[in-house]
Amino acid sequence: MRTRGKQPDVPAPDSAWSEVVPGLWMGGHEFRGHAGQLEFAVVQEEFDLVQTLLRLPGHGPGPGVEHQVWPIPDGPLDGTQLAGVMRLAQAASDALDAGRTVLVRCYHGYNRSGLVIAHALARRGHSADEAIRLIRSRRSPWALHNELFVEYLRAGLSTARLLEELAE
């Protein structure tokens, strides 16, 4: 399994956030700016709904923006954590259906946010592999480099959740 914590050579993304499909954005808290220096990604009122999987103080969103927080590790998830990911994906999909813009973010906007967005895309008719390819083409080739999350997506999060709960 490759995760941010175990792969210090994973580069920061080139942008704070990237649009995966119209209205659905994937991002993080840190990115490499135009001068090549690391910059903080602070969201204000750019989105109608912000979903945060790793919360860092001072990174927004602004007042009045709906903010859903579900901190999870960039590693193995238990059944409760997977259920939360599934709820966030449903909320993101519902917001898109209502014409709202959504940002799903984690540290770099690669793995945890990718898991939520890929599941939202699967709910909207994409296969797991189509969703992964789309995310990597729009965000970064480094998106979903956590192989365990790719396995969760290919199995289906409902199945992965059931298996994790049985293992607990």
N, C-alpha and C. Protein backbone atom coordinates (compact mmCIF):
# COMPACT_ATOMS: atom_id res chain seq x y z
N MET A 1 0.84 -1.18 0.00
CA MET A 1 0.00 0.00 0.00
C MET A 1 0.89 1.24 0.00
N ARG A 2 0.58 2.17 -0.88
CA ARG A 2 1.34 3.42 -0.96
C ARG A 2 0.46 4.54 -0.46
N THR A 3 0.93 5.23 0.56
CA THR A 3 0.18 6.37 1.09
C THR A 3 1.12 7.55 1.26
N ARG A 4 0.52 8.71 1.48
CA ARG A 4 1.32 9.93 1.64
C ARG A 4 2.35 9.77 2.74
N GLY A 5 1.95 9.18 3.85
CA GLY A 5 2.86 9.03 4.97
C GLY A 5 4.04 8.13 4.67
N LYS A 6 3.86 7.18 3.77
CA LYS A 6 4.92 6.23 3.46
C LYS A 6 5.63 6.57 2.15
N GLN A 7 5.17 7.58 1.45
CA GLN A 7 5.75 7.96 0.16
C GLN A 7 6.09 9.44 0.16
N PRO A 8 7.18 9.83 0.84
CA PRO A 8 7.50 11.26 0.90
C PRO A 8 7.85 11.85 -0.46
N ASP A 9 8.09 11.01 -1.47
CA ASP A 9 8.44 11.51 -2.80
C ASP A 9 7.21 11.86 -3.64
N VAL A 10 6.02 11.70 -3.09
CA VAL A 10 4.81 12.06 -3.82
C VAL A 10 4.77 13.59 -3.93
N PRO A 11 4.74 14.11 -5.15
CA PRO A 11 4.78 15.56 -5.31
C PRO A 11 3.45 16.22 -4.96
N ALA A 12 3.53 17.43 -4.48
CA ALA A 12 2.31 18.22 -4.24
C ALA A 12 1.67 18.51 -5.59
N PRO A 13 0.35 18.64 -5.62
CA PRO A 13 -0.33 18.93 -6.88
C PRO A 13 0.00 20.34 -7.37
N ASP A 14 -0.30 20.59 -8.64
CA ASP A 14 -0.01 21.88 -9.25
C ASP A 14 -1.11 22.91 -9.03
N SER A 15 -2.23 22.48 -8.46
CA SER A 15 -3.33 23.42 -8.21
C SER A 15 -4.01 23.06 -6.90
N ALA A 16 -4.68 24.04 -6.33
CA ALA A 16 -5.39 23.82 -5.07
C ALA A 16 -6.50 22.81 -5.24
N TRP A 17 -7.23 22.90 -6.37
CA TRP A 17 -8.32 21.97 -6.66
C TRP A 17 -8.53 21.85 -8.14
N SER A 18 -9.14 20.75 -8.54
CA SER A 18 -9.35 20.42 -9.95
C SER A 18 -10.78 19.92 -10.13
N GLU A 19 -11.42 20.35 -11.24
CA GLU A 19 -12.78 19.91 -11.52
C GLU A 19 -12.74 18.55 -12.20
N VAL A 20 -13.37 17.56 -11.59
CA VAL A 20 -13.37 16.19 -12.12
C VAL A 20 -14.50 16.02 -13.13
N VAL A 21 -15.68 16.41 -12.76
CA VAL A 21 -16.85 16.51 -13.65
C VAL A 21 -17.49 17.86 -13.32
N PRO A 22 -18.34 18.39 -14.19
CA PRO A 22 -18.91 19.71 -13.92
C PRO A 22 -19.53 19.80 -12.52
N GLY A 23 -19.01 20.74 -11.75
CA GLY A 23 -19.52 21.00 -10.41
C GLY A 23 -18.87 20.21 -9.30
N LEU A 24 -18.10 19.17 -9.63
CA LEU A 24 -17.47 18.31 -8.62
C LEU A 24 -15.96 18.49 -8.66
N TRP A 25 -15.43 19.05 -7.60
CA TRP A 25 -14.02 19.41 -7.52
C TRP A 25 -13.31 18.58 -6.47
N MET A 26 -12.03 18.32 -6.73
CA MET A 26 -11.17 17.53 -5.84
C MET A 26 -9.97 18.39 -5.49
N GLY A 27 -9.66 18.47 -4.19
CA GLY A 27 -8.54 19.32 -3.81
C GLY A 27 -7.94 18.94 -2.48
N GLY A 28 -7.01 19.79 -2.07
CA GLY A 28 -6.29 19.55 -0.84
C GLY A 28 -6.05 20.82 -0.06
N HIS A 29 -5.11 20.72 0.85
CA HIS A 29 -4.76 21.85 1.71
C HIS A 29 -3.42 22.48 1.33
N GLU A 30 -2.70 21.83 0.41
CA GLU A 30 -1.37 22.31 0.03
C GLU A 30 -1.16 22.00 -1.45
N PHE A 31 -0.52 22.93 -2.17
CA PHE A 31 -0.21 22.72 -3.58
C PHE A 31 1.04 23.49 -3.95
N ARG A 32 1.59 23.15 -5.10
CA ARG A 32 2.79 23.84 -5.60
C ARG A 32 2.33 24.99 -6.48
N GLY A 33 2.63 26.20 -6.06
CA GLY A 33 2.20 27.39 -6.78
C GLY A 33 3.01 27.64 -8.04
N HIS A 34 2.68 28.75 -8.71
CA HIS A 34 3.32 29.09 -9.98
C HIS A 34 4.84 29.25 -9.85
N ALA A 35 5.30 29.72 -8.71
CA ALA A 35 6.74 29.91 -8.50
C ALA A 35 7.42 28.61 -8.04
N GLY A 36 6.65 27.52 -7.94
CA GLY A 36 7.23 26.25 -7.52
C GLY A 36 7.26 26.06 -6.02
N GLN A 37 6.83 27.05 -5.28
CA GLN A 37 6.84 26.97 -3.82
C GLN A 37 5.53 26.37 -3.32
N LEU A 38 5.60 25.68 -2.19
CA LEU A 38 4.38 25.14 -1.60
C LEU A 38 3.53 26.28 -1.06
N GLU A 39 2.23 26.20 -1.33
CA GLU A 39 1.28 27.21 -0.87
C GLU A 39 0.12 26.50 -0.19
N PHE A 40 -0.52 27.20 0.73
CA PHE A 40 -1.72 26.66 1.37
C PHE A 40 -2.93 26.91 0.49
N ALA A 41 -3.81 25.93 0.41
CA ALA A 41 -5.07 26.07 -0.31
C ALA A 41 -6.14 26.43 0.72
N VAL A 42 -6.61 27.66 0.66
CA VAL A 42 -7.63 28.12 1.60
C VAL A 42 -8.89 28.39 0.81
N VAL A 43 -9.95 27.66 1.15
CA VAL A 43 -11.22 27.83 0.45
C VAL A 43 -12.08 28.84 1.21
N GLN A 44 -12.73 29.71 0.47
CA GLN A 44 -13.63 30.69 1.07
C GLN A 44 -15.06 30.39 0.65
N GLU A 45 -15.54 31.12 -0.39
CA GLU A 45 -16.92 30.93 -0.87
C GLU A 45 -16.97 30.41 -2.30
N GLU A 46 -15.91 29.75 -2.77
CA GLU A 46 -15.86 29.26 -4.15
C GLU A 46 -16.84 28.12 -4.41
N PHE A 47 -17.24 27.42 -3.36
CA PHE A 47 -18.07 26.22 -3.51
C PHE A 47 -19.29 26.32 -2.61
N ASP A 48 -20.35 25.61 -2.98
CA ASP A 48 -21.56 25.58 -2.16
C ASP A 48 -21.45 24.60 -1.01
N LEU A 49 -20.69 23.52 -1.23
CA LEU A 49 -20.50 22.48 -0.23
C LEU A 49 -19.03 22.10 -0.23
N VAL A 50 -18.43 22.05 0.95
CA VAL A 50 -17.05 21.60 1.11
C VAL A 50 -17.08 20.38 2.02
N GLN A 51 -16.48 19.30 1.55
CA GLN A 51 -16.34 18.08 2.33
C GLN A 51 -14.87 17.90 2.66
N THR A 52 -14.56 17.78 3.95
CA THR A 52 -13.19 17.75 4.43
C THR A 52 -12.89 16.41 5.09
N LEU A 53 -11.86 15.74 4.59
CA LEU A 53 -11.46 14.44 5.13
C LEU A 53 -10.21 14.54 6.01
N LEU A 54 -9.58 15.70 6.00
CA LEU A 54 -8.46 16.03 6.88
C LEU A 54 -8.59 17.51 7.17
N ARG A 55 -8.90 17.84 8.41
CA ARG A 55 -9.17 19.24 8.75
C ARG A 55 -7.92 19.91 9.30
N LEU A 56 -7.57 21.02 8.71
CA LEU A 56 -6.47 21.84 9.19
C LEU A 56 -7.01 23.23 9.50
N PRO A 57 -6.68 23.79 10.66
CA PRO A 57 -7.19 25.11 11.03
C PRO A 57 -6.75 26.17 10.02
N GLY A 58 -7.66 27.12 9.76
CA GLY A 58 -7.33 28.25 8.90
C GLY A 58 -7.46 27.99 7.41
N HIS A 59 -7.99 26.84 7.02
CA HIS A 59 -8.10 26.50 5.60
C HIS A 59 -9.53 26.63 5.08
N GLY A 60 -10.41 27.23 5.88
CA GLY A 60 -11.78 27.46 5.44
C GLY A 60 -12.63 26.23 5.61
N PRO A 61 -13.82 26.31 5.06
CA PRO A 61 -14.37 27.32 4.17
C PRO A 61 -14.88 28.55 4.91
N GLY A 62 -15.30 29.52 4.11
CA GLY A 62 -15.81 30.76 4.67
C GLY A 62 -17.14 30.55 5.37
N PRO A 63 -17.56 31.56 6.14
CA PRO A 63 -18.84 31.47 6.84
C PRO A 63 -19.99 31.36 5.84
N GLY A 64 -20.99 30.58 6.20
CA GLY A 64 -22.14 30.41 5.33
C GLY A 64 -22.02 29.30 4.31
N VAL A 65 -20.84 28.72 4.18
CA VAL A 65 -20.64 27.61 3.25
C VAL A 65 -20.89 26.31 4.02
N GLU A 66 -21.72 25.44 3.46
CA GLU A 66 -21.96 24.15 4.12
C GLU A 66 -20.65 23.37 4.17
N HIS A 67 -20.33 22.84 5.35
CA HIS A 67 -19.05 22.15 5.55
C HIS A 67 -19.32 20.83 6.26
N GLN A 68 -18.97 19.74 5.60
CA GLN A 68 -19.10 18.40 6.16
C GLN A 68 -17.70 17.87 6.43
N VAL A 69 -17.43 17.46 7.65
CA VAL A 69 -16.10 17.00 8.05
C VAL A 69 -16.18 15.54 8.48
N TRP A 70 -15.33 14.70 7.88
CA TRP A 70 -15.25 13.29 8.23
C TRP A 70 -13.78 12.88 8.16
N PRO A 71 -13.00 13.13 9.23
CA PRO A 71 -11.57 12.79 9.19
C PRO A 71 -11.35 11.29 9.11
N ILE A 72 -10.58 10.88 8.13
CA ILE A 72 -10.21 9.47 7.99
C ILE A 72 -8.72 9.39 7.66
N PRO A 73 -8.08 8.27 7.99
CA PRO A 73 -6.67 8.11 7.64
C PRO A 73 -6.49 7.80 6.16
N ASP A 74 -5.29 8.02 5.68
CA ASP A 74 -4.92 7.64 4.31
C ASP A 74 -4.35 6.22 4.40
N GLY A 75 -5.18 5.31 4.88
CA GLY A 75 -4.77 3.93 5.10
C GLY A 75 -5.99 3.07 5.32
N PRO A 76 -5.84 1.91 5.94
CA PRO A 76 -6.98 1.01 6.13
C PRO A 76 -8.12 1.72 6.87
N LEU A 77 -9.34 1.48 6.38
CA LEU A 77 -10.52 2.09 6.98
C LEU A 77 -11.39 1.00 7.59
N ASP A 78 -12.02 1.32 8.73
CA ASP A 78 -12.96 0.37 9.32
C ASP A 78 -14.34 0.59 8.72
N GLY A 79 -15.29 -0.25 9.11
CA GLY A 79 -16.63 -0.19 8.55
C GLY A 79 -17.30 1.16 8.78
N THR A 80 -17.12 1.75 9.96
CA THR A 80 -17.71 3.05 10.26
C THR A 80 -17.13 4.14 9.36
N GLN A 81 -15.83 4.11 9.15
CA GLN A 81 -15.18 5.10 8.28
C GLN A 81 -15.65 4.95 6.84
N LEU A 82 -15.76 3.71 6.37
CA LEU A 82 -16.26 3.48 5.01
C LEU A 82 -17.71 3.94 4.87
N ALA A 83 -18.52 3.73 5.90
CA ALA A 83 -19.91 4.20 5.87
C ALA A 83 -19.94 5.72 5.74
N GLY A 84 -19.05 6.40 6.43
CA GLY A 84 -18.97 7.86 6.33
C GLY A 84 -18.57 8.31 4.94
N VAL A 85 -17.62 7.61 4.32
CA VAL A 85 -17.22 7.91 2.95
C VAL A 85 -18.42 7.76 2.01
N MET A 86 -19.20 6.71 2.22
CA MET A 86 -20.37 6.47 1.39
C MET A 86 -21.41 7.58 1.58
N ARG A 87 -21.59 8.04 2.82
CA ARG A 87 -22.54 9.15 3.08
C ARG A 87 -22.07 10.43 2.41
N LEU A 88 -20.77 10.72 2.48
CA LEU A 88 -20.25 11.92 1.83
C LEU A 88 -20.45 11.85 0.32
N ALA A 89 -20.20 10.69 -0.27
CA ALA A 89 -20.38 10.53 -1.72
C ALA A 89 -21.84 10.75 -2.10
N GLN A 90 -22.75 10.23 -1.29
CA GLN A 90 -24.18 10.44 -1.55
C GLN A 90 -24.53 11.93 -1.44
N ALA A 91 -24.02 12.60 -0.41
CA ALA A 91 -24.29 14.03 -0.23
C ALA A 91 -23.72 14.84 -1.39
N ALA A 92 -22.53 14.48 -1.86
CA ALA A 92 -21.92 15.17 -3.00
C ALA A 92 -22.78 14.98 -4.24
N SER A 93 -23.22 13.76 -4.47
CA SER A 93 -24.06 13.46 -5.63
C SER A 93 -25.39 14.21 -5.56
N ASP A 94 -26.00 14.23 -4.37
CA ASP A 94 -27.25 14.97 -4.19
C ASP A 94 -27.06 16.46 -4.45
N ALA A 95 -25.94 17.01 -3.97
CA ALA A 95 -25.65 18.43 -4.19
C ALA A 95 -25.49 18.72 -5.69
N LEU A 96 -24.80 17.84 -6.41
CA LEU A 96 -24.66 18.02 -7.86
C LEU A 96 -26.02 18.00 -8.54
N ASP A 97 -26.87 17.07 -8.13
CA ASP A 97 -28.22 16.98 -8.70
C ASP A 97 -29.01 18.26 -8.46
N ALA A 98 -28.72 18.94 -7.37
CA ALA A 98 -29.41 20.19 -7.02
C ALA A 98 -28.73 21.41 -7.66
N GLY A 99 -27.70 21.18 -8.50
CA GLY A 99 -27.03 22.28 -9.17
C GLY A 99 -26.01 23.01 -8.33
N ARG A 100 -25.56 22.39 -7.24
CA ARG A 100 -24.58 23.01 -6.35
C ARG A 100 -23.16 22.57 -6.73
N THR A 101 -22.19 23.39 -6.38
CA THR A 101 -20.79 23.02 -6.60
C THR A 101 -20.23 22.43 -5.32
N VAL A 102 -19.38 21.40 -5.50
CA VAL A 102 -18.86 20.62 -4.37
C VAL A 102 -17.34 20.51 -4.47
N LEU A 103 -16.67 20.75 -3.35
CA LEU A 103 -15.24 20.48 -3.22
C LEU A 103 -15.07 19.38 -2.19
N VAL A 104 -14.37 18.31 -2.58
CA VAL A 104 -14.00 17.24 -1.66
C VAL A 104 -12.49 17.35 -1.50
N ARG A 105 -12.03 17.47 -0.25
CA ARG A 105 -10.59 17.72 -0.05
C ARG A 105 -10.00 16.88 1.07
N CYS A 106 -8.70 16.64 0.91
CA CYS A 106 -7.91 15.97 1.94
C CYS A 106 -6.57 16.71 2.00
N TYR A 107 -5.46 16.03 2.22
CA TYR A 107 -4.19 16.76 2.35
C TYR A 107 -3.71 17.31 1.01
N HIS A 108 -3.42 16.43 0.06
CA HIS A 108 -3.01 16.86 -1.28
C HIS A 108 -4.16 16.82 -2.28
N GLY A 109 -5.24 16.15 -1.90
CA GLY A 109 -6.32 15.97 -2.86
C GLY A 109 -6.02 14.82 -3.80
N TYR A 110 -5.50 13.73 -3.25
CA TYR A 110 -5.17 12.56 -4.06
C TYR A 110 -5.97 11.33 -3.64
N ASN A 111 -5.84 10.89 -2.40
CA ASN A 111 -6.37 9.59 -1.99
C ASN A 111 -7.74 9.65 -1.32
N ARG A 112 -7.82 10.28 -0.16
CA ARG A 112 -9.09 10.29 0.56
C ARG A 112 -10.18 10.99 -0.24
N SER A 113 -9.85 12.15 -0.80
CA SER A 113 -10.84 12.85 -1.63
C SER A 113 -11.16 12.02 -2.87
N GLY A 114 -10.16 11.35 -3.42
CA GLY A 114 -10.38 10.50 -4.58
C GLY A 114 -11.32 9.35 -4.28
N LEU A 115 -11.24 8.80 -3.07
CA LEU A 115 -12.12 7.71 -2.68
C LEU A 115 -13.58 8.18 -2.67
N VAL A 116 -13.83 9.35 -2.08
CA VAL A 116 -15.19 9.89 -2.04
C VAL A 116 -15.70 10.20 -3.44
N ILE A 117 -14.87 10.88 -4.23
CA ILE A 117 -15.30 11.28 -5.57
C ILE A 117 -15.52 10.05 -6.46
N ALA A 118 -14.62 9.09 -6.39
CA ALA A 118 -14.79 7.88 -7.21
C ALA A 118 -16.09 7.16 -6.84
N HIS A 119 -16.40 7.10 -5.55
CA HIS A 119 -17.65 6.44 -5.14
C HIS A 119 -18.85 7.26 -5.62
N ALA A 120 -18.77 8.58 -5.56
CA ALA A 120 -19.85 9.42 -6.09
C ALA A 120 -20.03 9.16 -7.59
N LEU A 121 -18.93 9.06 -8.32
CA LEU A 121 -19.00 8.79 -9.76
C LEU A 121 -19.59 7.40 -10.03
N ALA A 122 -19.23 6.43 -9.19
CA ALA A 122 -19.78 5.09 -9.34
C ALA A 122 -21.29 5.11 -9.13
N ARG A 123 -21.73 5.89 -8.16
CA ARG A 123 -23.17 6.03 -7.91
C ARG A 123 -23.87 6.66 -9.11
N ARG A 124 -23.10 7.42 -9.91
CA ARG A 124 -23.66 8.12 -11.07
C ARG A 124 -23.44 7.33 -12.36
N GLY A 125 -23.04 6.06 -12.24
CA GLY A 125 -22.98 5.19 -13.41
C GLY A 125 -21.61 4.84 -13.96
N HIS A 126 -20.56 5.40 -13.40
CA HIS A 126 -19.20 5.07 -13.86
C HIS A 126 -18.75 3.76 -13.22
N SER A 127 -17.96 2.98 -13.95
CA SER A 127 -17.31 1.83 -13.32
C SER A 127 -16.18 2.36 -12.44
N ALA A 128 -15.70 1.53 -11.54
CA ALA A 128 -14.60 1.94 -10.67
C ALA A 128 -13.39 2.36 -11.50
N ASP A 129 -13.04 1.57 -12.51
CA ASP A 129 -11.86 1.89 -13.32
C ASP A 129 -12.07 3.17 -14.13
N GLU A 130 -13.28 3.40 -14.63
CA GLU A 130 -13.56 4.66 -15.35
C GLU A 130 -13.41 5.84 -14.41
N ALA A 131 -13.94 5.71 -13.20
CA ALA A 131 -13.85 6.80 -12.23
C ALA A 131 -12.39 7.08 -11.87
N ILE A 132 -11.61 6.05 -11.65
CA ILE A 132 -10.19 6.21 -11.31
C ILE A 132 -9.45 6.90 -12.45
N ARG A 133 -9.67 6.45 -13.69
CA ARG A 133 -9.01 7.07 -14.85
C ARG A 133 -9.39 8.54 -14.97
N LEU A 134 -10.67 8.84 -14.80
CA LEU A 134 -11.14 10.21 -14.91
C LEU A 134 -10.49 11.09 -13.85
N ILE A 135 -10.47 10.62 -12.62
CA ILE A 135 -9.85 11.37 -11.52
C ILE A 135 -8.37 11.62 -11.80
N ARG A 136 -7.66 10.60 -12.22
CA ARG A 136 -6.23 10.76 -12.49
C ARG A 136 -5.97 11.70 -13.65
N SER A 137 -6.86 11.68 -14.65
CA SER A 137 -6.65 12.58 -15.80
C SER A 137 -6.97 14.03 -15.44
N ARG A 138 -7.89 14.25 -14.53
CA ARG A 138 -8.30 15.62 -14.18
C ARG A 138 -7.50 16.20 -13.02
N ARG A 139 -7.14 15.37 -12.04
CA ARG A 139 -6.44 15.88 -10.86
C ARG A 139 -4.93 15.70 -10.98
N SER A 140 -4.50 14.45 -11.12
CA SER A 140 -3.07 14.16 -11.17
C SER A 140 -2.89 12.66 -11.37
N PRO A 141 -1.82 12.26 -12.06
CA PRO A 141 -1.51 10.82 -12.14
C PRO A 141 -1.28 10.22 -10.75
N TRP A 142 -0.99 11.05 -9.76
CA TRP A 142 -0.77 10.58 -8.39
C TRP A 142 -2.08 10.35 -7.65
N ALA A 143 -3.19 10.80 -8.20
CA ALA A 143 -4.47 10.61 -7.52
C ALA A 143 -4.76 9.12 -7.37
N LEU A 144 -5.27 8.76 -6.22
CA LEU A 144 -5.59 7.36 -5.88
C LEU A 144 -4.38 6.45 -6.03
N HIS A 145 -3.21 6.93 -5.59
CA HIS A 145 -2.03 6.06 -5.58
C HIS A 145 -2.05 5.12 -4.37
N ASN A 146 -3.00 5.29 -3.45
CA ASN A 146 -3.19 4.36 -2.35
C ASN A 146 -3.89 3.13 -2.92
N GLU A 147 -3.13 2.06 -3.10
CA GLU A 147 -3.66 0.85 -3.74
C GLU A 147 -4.80 0.22 -2.96
N LEU A 148 -4.80 0.37 -1.63
CA LEU A 148 -5.90 -0.18 -0.83
C LEU A 148 -7.22 0.52 -1.21
N PHE A 149 -7.17 1.85 -1.41
CA PHE A 149 -8.38 2.57 -1.80
C PHE A 149 -8.86 2.12 -3.18
N VAL A 150 -7.93 1.85 -4.08
CA VAL A 150 -8.29 1.34 -5.40
C VAL A 150 -8.97 -0.03 -5.25
N GLU A 151 -8.44 -0.87 -4.36
CA GLU A 151 -9.06 -2.18 -4.11
C GLU A 151 -10.46 -2.00 -3.53
N TYR A 152 -10.63 -1.07 -2.59
CA TYR A 152 -11.97 -0.79 -2.04
C TYR A 152 -12.93 -0.43 -3.17
N LEU A 153 -12.49 0.44 -4.07
CA LEU A 153 -13.36 0.90 -5.16
C LEU A 153 -13.71 -0.23 -6.12
N ARG A 154 -12.73 -1.04 -6.45
CA ARG A 154 -12.99 -2.14 -7.39
C ARG A 154 -13.91 -3.19 -6.77
N ALA A 155 -13.80 -3.41 -5.47
CA ALA A 155 -14.69 -4.35 -4.79
C ALA A 155 -16.08 -3.75 -4.61
N GLY A 156 -16.13 -2.42 -4.53
CA GLY A 156 -17.36 -1.70 -4.18
C GLY A 156 -17.30 -1.37 -2.71
N LEU A 157 -17.61 -0.13 -2.34
CA LEU A 157 -17.48 0.27 -0.94
C LEU A 157 -18.44 -0.49 -0.04
N SER A 158 -19.62 -0.85 -0.53
CA SER A 158 -20.55 -1.63 0.30
C SER A 158 -19.94 -2.98 0.65
N THR A 159 -19.32 -3.63 -0.32
CA THR A 159 -18.66 -4.91 -0.10
C THR A 159 -17.46 -4.74 0.83
N ALA A 160 -16.64 -3.72 0.57
CA ALA A 160 -15.46 -3.47 1.42
C ALA A 160 -15.89 -3.21 2.86
N ARG A 161 -16.98 -2.45 3.02
CA ARG A 161 -17.48 -2.16 4.36
C ARG A 161 -17.91 -3.44 5.06
N LEU A 162 -18.66 -4.27 4.38
CA LEU A 162 -19.11 -5.53 4.96
C LEU A 162 -17.92 -6.39 5.38
N LEU A 163 -16.92 -6.48 4.51
CA LEU A 163 -15.74 -7.29 4.82
C LEU A 163 -14.99 -6.72 6.02
N GLU A 164 -14.86 -5.40 6.09
CA GLU A 164 -14.16 -4.77 7.23
C GLU A 164 -14.93 -5.00 8.52
N GLU A 165 -16.27 -4.90 8.46
CA GLU A 165 -17.06 -5.13 9.67
C GLU A 165 -16.98 -6.58 10.12
N LEU A 166 -16.92 -7.52 9.19
CA LEU A 166 -16.76 -8.93 9.55
C LEU A 166 -15.40 -9.17 10.20
N ALA A 167 -14.39 -8.46 9.74
CA ALA A 167 -13.04 -8.62 10.28
C ALA A 167 -12.92 -8.01 11.68
N GLU A 168 -13.76 -7.01 11.98
CA GLU A 168 -13.71 -6.37 13.29
C GLU A 168 -14.26 -7.32 14.30
